[in-house]
Protein backbone atom coordinates (compact mmCIF):
# COMPACT_ATOMS: atom_id res chain seq x y z
CA MET A 1 -2.91 -17.98 -33.04
CA LYS A 2 -3.68 -20.26 -30.77
CA LEU A 3 -6.98 -18.80 -30.04
CA PHE A 4 -7.68 -18.51 -33.88
CA LEU A 5 -6.90 -22.09 -34.08
CA ARG A 6 -9.25 -22.55 -31.40
CA GLU A 7 -11.91 -21.01 -32.50
CA HIS A 8 -12.27 -22.36 -35.83
CA PHE A 9 -11.06 -26.19 -34.90
CA LEU A 10 -14.15 -27.30 -35.19
CA LEU A 11 -15.22 -25.64 -38.57
CA ILE A 12 -12.12 -27.52 -39.56
CA VAL A 13 -13.03 -30.85 -38.42
CA VAL A 14 -16.47 -30.74 -40.07
CA HIS A 15 -14.82 -29.82 -43.17
CA LEU A 16 -12.69 -33.00 -43.07
CA ILE A 17 -15.03 -34.85 -42.47
CA GLN A 18 -17.08 -33.67 -44.89
CA SER A 19 -14.44 -33.96 -47.61
CA VAL A 20 -13.90 -37.44 -46.60
CA THR A 21 -17.90 -38.19 -46.55
CA ILE A 22 -19.22 -36.85 -49.70
CA PRO A 23 -16.89 -39.38 -52.27
CA ILE A 24 -17.54 -42.30 -50.22
CA LEU A 25 -21.41 -41.17 -50.30
CA PHE A 26 -20.50 -41.30 -54.51
CA TRP A 27 -18.62 -44.27 -54.48
CA LEU A 28 -21.33 -46.71 -52.55
CA ASP A 29 -23.73 -44.35 -55.62
CA GLY A 30 -21.95 -46.30 -58.36
CA PHE A 31 -19.83 -43.29 -59.12
CA ARG A 32 -15.94 -44.69 -59.60
CA GLY A 33 -13.99 -41.38 -60.57
CA ILE A 34 -11.50 -41.34 -58.30
CA GLY A 35 -9.45 -38.81 -59.95
CA VAL A 36 -12.25 -35.77 -59.79
CA SER A 37 -13.13 -36.79 -56.06
CA ILE A 38 -9.71 -36.59 -55.30
CA TYR A 39 -9.43 -32.90 -56.93
CA ALA A 40 -13.12 -31.90 -55.39
CA ALA A 41 -11.38 -32.71 -52.03
CA PHE A 42 -8.84 -30.74 -52.57
CA PHE A 43 -9.88 -28.46 -53.99
CA SER A 44 -12.21 -27.74 -51.05
CA LEU A 45 -9.16 -27.62 -48.74
CA PHE A 46 -7.91 -25.57 -51.29
CA LEU A 47 -10.38 -22.63 -50.57
CA LEU A 48 -11.00 -23.39 -46.80
CA SER A 49 -7.17 -22.86 -46.56
CA VAL A 50 -7.44 -19.42 -48.10
CA TYR A 51 -10.70 -18.50 -46.11
CA LEU A 52 -8.90 -19.21 -43.18
CA VAL A 53 -5.60 -17.43 -44.33
CA TYR A 54 -7.81 -14.24 -45.14
CA ARG A 55 -10.04 -14.60 -41.84
CA TYR A 56 -6.61 -14.65 -39.73
CA PHE A 57 -4.81 -11.66 -41.39
CA SER A 58 -8.19 -9.54 -41.34
CA ARG A 59 -8.51 -10.40 -37.62
CA ARG A 60 -5.54 -10.23 -36.86
CA SER A 61 -5.31 -7.40 -34.25
CA PHE A 62 -8.44 -8.85 -32.57
CA TYR A 63 -6.88 -11.98 -31.78
CA LYS A 64 -3.73 -10.48 -30.37
CA ARG A 65 -6.16 -8.36 -28.51
CA LEU A 66 -7.45 -11.36 -26.82
CA GLU A 67 -4.33 -13.17 -26.04
CA LYS A 68 -2.79 -10.37 -24.91
CA PRO A 69 -3.66 -8.45 -20.93
CA LEU A 70 -4.16 -5.20 -20.58
CA GLU A 71 -1.30 -3.34 -19.14
CA THR A 72 -3.14 -0.35 -17.73
CA LEU A 73 -6.81 0.55 -17.74
CA ASP A 74 -6.31 3.33 -20.74
CA SER A 75 -4.99 0.62 -22.76
CA SER A 76 -8.91 -0.75 -23.07
CA LEU A 77 -9.63 2.54 -24.85
CA GLU A 78 -7.55 1.52 -27.94
CA VAL A 79 -9.00 0.66 -31.37
CA THR A 80 -9.11 -3.05 -32.24
CA GLY A 81 -9.92 -3.16 -35.66
CA GLU A 82 -12.32 -2.79 -38.76
CA ALA A 83 -14.17 -5.89 -38.45
CA PRO A 84 -17.37 -5.63 -37.02
CA ILE A 85 -16.46 -7.96 -34.14
CA SER A 86 -13.66 -6.33 -33.42
CA LYS A 87 -16.06 -2.71 -33.59
CA ALA A 88 -18.22 -4.90 -30.74
CA LEU A 89 -15.69 -5.65 -28.60
CA ASP A 90 -13.95 -2.16 -28.79
CA ARG A 91 -17.36 -0.75 -27.33
CA LEU A 92 -17.86 -3.32 -24.63
CA LEU A 93 -14.02 -2.38 -23.41
CA ASP A 94 -15.07 1.60 -23.69
CA ASN A 95 -18.24 0.75 -21.38
CA GLN A 96 -16.92 -1.16 -19.08
CA TYR A 97 -14.31 1.63 -18.40
CA ARG A 98 -16.82 4.06 -18.46
CA LEU A 99 -18.78 1.71 -15.80
CA TYR A 100 -15.57 1.30 -14.14
CA LEU A 101 -14.29 5.00 -13.74
CA ASN A 102 -17.82 5.72 -12.25
CA HIS A 103 -17.95 2.95 -9.69
CA LEU A 104 -14.35 4.22 -9.01
CA HIS A 105 -15.73 7.90 -8.57
CA LYS A 106 -18.34 6.78 -6.08
CA ALA A 107 -16.38 5.00 -4.11
CA GLU A 108 -13.81 7.78 -3.70
CA GLU A 109 -16.64 10.11 -3.31
CA ARG A 110 -17.64 7.71 0.35
CA GLN A 111 -14.18 7.32 0.46
CA ASP A 112 -13.68 11.29 0.81
CA GLU A 113 -17.26 11.91 2.94
CA HIS A 114 -15.93 9.05 5.23
CA LEU A 115 -11.93 10.85 5.88
CA LEU A 116 -13.91 13.81 6.36
CA PHE A 117 -16.22 12.86 9.31
CA MET A 118 -13.37 10.98 10.80
CA ASP A 119 -11.34 14.14 11.01
CA ARG A 120 -14.43 16.01 12.51
CA TRP A 121 -15.50 13.58 14.34
CA VAL A 122 -11.50 13.53 15.67
CA HIS A 123 -11.37 17.42 16.48
CA GLN A 124 -14.95 17.19 18.19
CA MET A 125 -14.21 14.59 20.53
CA LYS A 126 -10.88 16.70 21.34
CA THR A 127 -12.88 18.78 22.76
CA PRO A 128 -14.14 17.72 25.55
CA LEU A 129 -11.20 15.41 26.07
CA SER A 130 -9.59 18.75 26.80
CA VAL A 131 -12.55 19.52 28.78
CA ILE A 132 -11.63 16.26 31.77
CA GLU A 133 -8.30 17.32 31.18
CA LEU A 134 -9.17 20.39 32.79
CA THR A 135 -11.07 18.68 35.60
CA ALA A 136 -9.11 16.45 36.63
CA GLN A 137 -7.09 18.65 37.50
CA ASP A 138 -8.95 19.92 40.97
CA LEU A 139 -9.56 16.09 41.57
CA ASP A 140 -6.99 14.93 44.35
CA GLU A 141 -4.26 12.13 43.93
CA PRO A 142 -4.43 9.50 42.46
CA GLU A 143 -7.89 10.33 40.73
CA SER A 144 -6.52 13.09 38.91
CA SER A 145 -3.59 11.24 37.67
CA SER A 146 -5.16 8.09 36.34
CA LEU A 147 -8.14 10.23 34.47
CA ARG A 148 -5.26 12.30 33.12
CA GLU A 149 -4.05 9.44 31.90
CA GLU A 150 -6.75 7.61 30.73
CA THR A 151 -7.99 10.45 27.91
CA GLU A 152 -4.11 10.93 26.80
CA ARG A 153 -4.61 7.48 25.93
CA ILE A 154 -7.39 8.19 24.10
CA ARG A 155 -6.03 11.41 22.70
CA ASP A 156 -3.45 8.92 21.44
CA GLY A 157 -6.21 6.60 20.20
CA LEU A 158 -7.85 9.74 18.09
CA ASN A 159 -5.05 10.29 16.81
CA THR A 160 -3.95 6.87 15.08
CA VAL A 161 -7.23 7.40 13.97
CA LEU A 162 -6.87 10.58 12.25
CA TYR A 163 -3.60 10.20 10.75
CA MET A 164 -4.63 6.22 9.77
CA ALA A 165 -7.67 8.10 7.59
CA ARG A 166 -5.31 10.56 5.85
CA LEU A 167 -3.04 7.72 4.94
CA ARG A 168 -4.77 7.59 1.65
CA THR A 169 -4.75 11.09 0.86
CA ILE A 170 -1.29 11.77 2.14
CA ALA A 171 0.76 13.00 -0.48
CA GLU A 172 -1.87 15.85 -1.19
CA ASP A 173 -1.14 17.01 2.65
CA PHE A 174 2.49 17.09 2.14
CA GLN A 175 4.08 20.24 3.06
CA ILE A 176 7.67 19.83 2.53
CA LYS A 177 10.16 22.64 4.07
CA PRO A 178 13.53 22.54 6.06
CA VAL A 179 12.48 21.01 9.60
CA ASN A 180 15.52 21.30 12.22
CA LEU A 181 15.03 18.02 14.00
CA ALA A 182 16.55 18.53 17.48
CA LYS A 183 13.60 20.90 17.53
CA LEU A 184 11.00 18.57 16.82
CA ILE A 185 12.45 16.26 19.29
CA HIS A 186 12.09 18.55 22.02
CA GLU A 187 8.32 19.27 21.05
CA ILE A 188 7.38 16.10 21.39
CA HIS A 189 9.17 16.03 24.74
CA GLN A 190 7.12 18.57 26.14
CA GLU A 191 3.48 17.31 24.70
CA ASN A 192 4.78 14.32 26.42
CA LYS A 193 6.17 15.16 29.30
CA ARG A 194 3.49 12.81 31.74
CA PHE A 195 3.69 9.98 29.12
CA TYR A 196 7.40 10.06 30.58
CA ILE A 197 6.62 10.19 34.19
CA ARG A 198 3.50 8.01 34.51
CA ASN A 199 6.27 4.87 32.93
CA GLU A 200 9.17 5.88 34.66
CA VAL A 201 11.09 6.35 31.54
CA TYR A 202 13.15 10.12 30.40
CA PRO A 203 14.61 10.72 26.85
CA GLN A 204 17.90 11.62 26.26
CA LEU A 205 18.94 13.26 23.03
CA ILE A 206 22.36 12.88 21.93
CA GLU A 207 23.46 15.17 18.88
CA GLU A 208 26.56 14.85 16.94
CA LYS A 209 26.25 18.12 15.74
CA GLN A 210 24.35 21.14 16.17
CA GLY A 211 20.93 22.96 13.85
CA ILE A 212 20.70 19.23 11.85
CA SER A 213 18.21 19.78 9.48
CA VAL A 214 16.21 17.88 6.87
CA GLN A 215 14.17 18.47 4.28
CA THR A 216 10.05 16.86 4.52
CA ASP A 217 6.93 17.68 6.00
CA GLU A 218 6.64 18.62 9.95
CA LYS A 219 3.67 16.98 10.69
CA TRP A 220 4.19 13.84 9.24
CA LEU A 221 7.60 13.72 10.68
CA PHE A 222 6.55 14.95 14.34
CA PHE A 223 3.82 11.84 14.21
CA LEU A 224 6.47 9.19 12.82
CA VAL A 225 8.72 10.07 15.54
CA THR A 226 6.10 9.90 18.12
CA GLN A 227 5.24 6.78 17.19
CA LEU A 228 8.98 5.49 17.92
CA VAL A 229 9.32 7.13 21.05
CA HIS A 230 5.97 5.97 22.86
CA ASN A 231 6.82 2.41 21.35
CA ALA A 232 10.25 2.63 22.83
CA VAL A 233 9.37 3.96 26.33
CA LYS A 234 5.84 1.21 26.40
CA TYR A 235 8.56 -1.25 25.85
CA SER A 236 11.22 -0.04 28.17
CA SER A 237 8.90 0.39 30.92
CA GLY A 238 9.79 -1.81 33.77
CA GLU A 239 12.96 -3.05 32.09
CA SER A 240 14.89 0.64 31.85
CA ASN A 241 14.60 3.94 33.03
CA LYS A 242 15.74 5.52 29.66
CA ILE A 243 15.74 5.77 25.76
CA LEU A 244 18.44 7.81 23.54
CA ILE A 245 17.47 9.24 20.46
CA SER A 246 20.41 10.46 18.44
CA LEU A 247 20.98 12.87 15.58
CA TYR A 248 23.83 11.87 13.51
CA GLU A 249 25.67 12.09 9.77
CA ARG A 250 26.38 8.82 8.09
CA SER A 251 28.34 8.98 4.86
CA SER A 252 25.88 11.52 3.30
CA ASP A 253 22.86 10.87 5.08
CA VAL A 254 21.45 11.89 8.25
CA VAL A 255 20.44 9.80 10.69
CA LEU A 256 17.32 9.84 12.97
CA GLU A 257 17.96 6.67 15.51
CA VAL A 258 15.77 6.00 18.28
CA LYS A 259 16.99 3.08 21.12
CA ASP A 260 15.15 1.40 24.03
CA PHE A 261 16.48 -0.85 26.37
CA GLY A 262 13.13 -2.80 27.01
CA VAL A 263 12.06 -6.42 26.09
CA GLY A 264 13.27 -6.16 22.44
CA ILE A 265 11.84 -8.37 19.34
CA PRO A 266 12.15 -11.87 18.94
CA LEU A 267 13.70 -12.43 15.56
CA VAL A 268 11.10 -14.53 14.06
CA ASP A 269 8.74 -11.05 14.55
CA GLN A 270 11.21 -8.48 12.93
CA LYS A 271 10.63 -8.96 9.62
CA ARG A 272 6.74 -8.47 10.04
CA VAL A 273 6.58 -5.93 12.71
CA PHE A 274 5.59 -3.29 10.20
CA ASN A 275 2.92 -5.34 8.83
CA LYS A 276 -0.77 -3.82 9.45
CA PHE A 277 -2.30 -5.22 12.85
CA PHE A 278 0.36 -7.62 13.58
CA THR A 279 1.07 -7.27 17.35
CA GLY A 280 3.28 -10.62 17.59
CA ASP A 281 4.67 -11.66 20.66
CA ASN A 282 5.08 -8.81 22.95
CA GLY A 283 1.60 -7.52 21.25
CA ARG A 284 0.49 -10.04 23.32
CA LYS A 285 1.98 -9.40 26.66
CA TYR A 286 1.45 -5.67 26.30
CA ARG A 287 -2.49 -5.66 25.28
CA GLU A 288 -2.44 -2.34 24.48
CA SER A 289 -0.99 -2.74 21.17
CA THR A 290 -3.01 -2.19 18.13
CA GLY A 291 -0.33 -3.74 15.37
CA MET A 292 -0.97 -0.26 13.31
CA GLY A 293 2.22 1.91 14.29
CA LEU A 294 4.93 0.47 12.97
CA TYR A 295 2.79 -0.03 9.74
CA LEU A 296 2.15 3.81 10.08
CA VAL A 297 5.34 4.84 10.48
CA LYS A 298 6.49 2.54 7.69
CA GLU A 299 3.77 3.78 5.58
CA VAL A 300 4.39 7.30 5.95
CA ALA A 301 8.31 7.07 5.84
CA GLU A 302 7.93 5.57 2.55
CA GLN A 303 5.72 8.52 1.38
CA LEU A 304 8.34 10.88 2.69
CA GLU A 305 11.00 9.08 1.04
CA HIS A 306 13.11 8.05 3.77
CA HIS A 307 14.19 4.77 5.12
CA ILE A 308 13.69 2.39 8.06
CA GLU A 309 16.16 0.30 9.79
CA LEU A 310 15.46 -1.59 12.94
CA ASP A 311 18.17 -3.88 14.74
CA SER A 312 16.41 -5.51 18.01
CA GLU A 313 17.56 -8.43 20.51
CA VAL A 314 15.45 -9.89 23.11
CA GLY A 315 16.40 -8.58 26.23
CA GLU A 316 18.79 -6.02 25.18
CA GLY A 317 16.58 -3.43 23.03
CA THR A 318 15.43 -2.20 20.35
CA THR A 319 16.88 0.77 18.00
CA ILE A 320 15.01 2.45 15.34
CA ARG A 321 16.72 4.61 12.46
CA ILE A 322 15.15 7.06 10.43
CA ILE A 323 17.45 7.42 7.52
CA PHE A 324 17.20 10.48 5.36
CA THR A 325 18.87 10.49 1.83
CA GLU A 326 21.68 13.08 0.81
CA THR A 327 18.67 14.65 -1.18
CA GLN A 328 16.76 15.64 1.92
CA ASN A 329 19.47 16.87 4.10
CA LEU A 330 20.45 20.55 4.47
CA THR A 331 23.19 21.79 6.72
CA SER A 332 24.61 20.96 9.37
CA MET A 333 25.47 24.65 10.96
């Protein structure tokens, strides 16, 4: 209604001015029929009112649609009315919708091409890295260890890039099945032995029960836990020589807990550590921090419908828990 009145405001003002001006002109010309003039003015206003009422009700859906924001993209395809201007609006929105879909399709194609390129590039880079690692075995110490350390950093960086690129299509990459958490953690340890030795930080696995399994995607959970373990080791190096990885049940949920005894996270940074590219005070001290590790952990956990908890105290260490809800908890054998 407000939009309708704003659109016809000038018409109403002009008509009112006309209703006053014309009787005055007749009066100045010598016509003294005041009753006729008043009747003509009221009759003119009556016709204007009828016209405005008819116009509003015949185009009410049109004005309502203009005033109400679109809730979904598909709602832009709804028919407004039979009036010419309503049909023109429908055609405009339809063309705009199709143009948007066309641009969106092209953007998705470019994104898919980029993802395919990143996937192939990462796998291609892993081959020369493997060759370098094999070559490093024939070198003397400390050159051999230094070279393998750098290749491990490159490999970890490549994996982060690959998983970051796949994050947009993570839902299409799921393969949910029962995963034995202790077995998964042992595989992570096997892959990161040299990383532990180099940093002189060694993990300890604590199981409340044997054979705790959950429903999840093994590959993505492997990546998620690896990120937590790497962070725990990195920020414990020089502060403590151990981290604790615990598996236990809490109420009806299963908890995977990674606890370190390192530098800890300042309270002011704790709410932001899961933000993209946020490095915080610790990130400025440890120059290798990219600010993407915990962001990816949070994003992957949300996609897997797991929950993340964080407790930390400066100088005491940090504890991060992955909570598997009751529906994801299988059995504890």
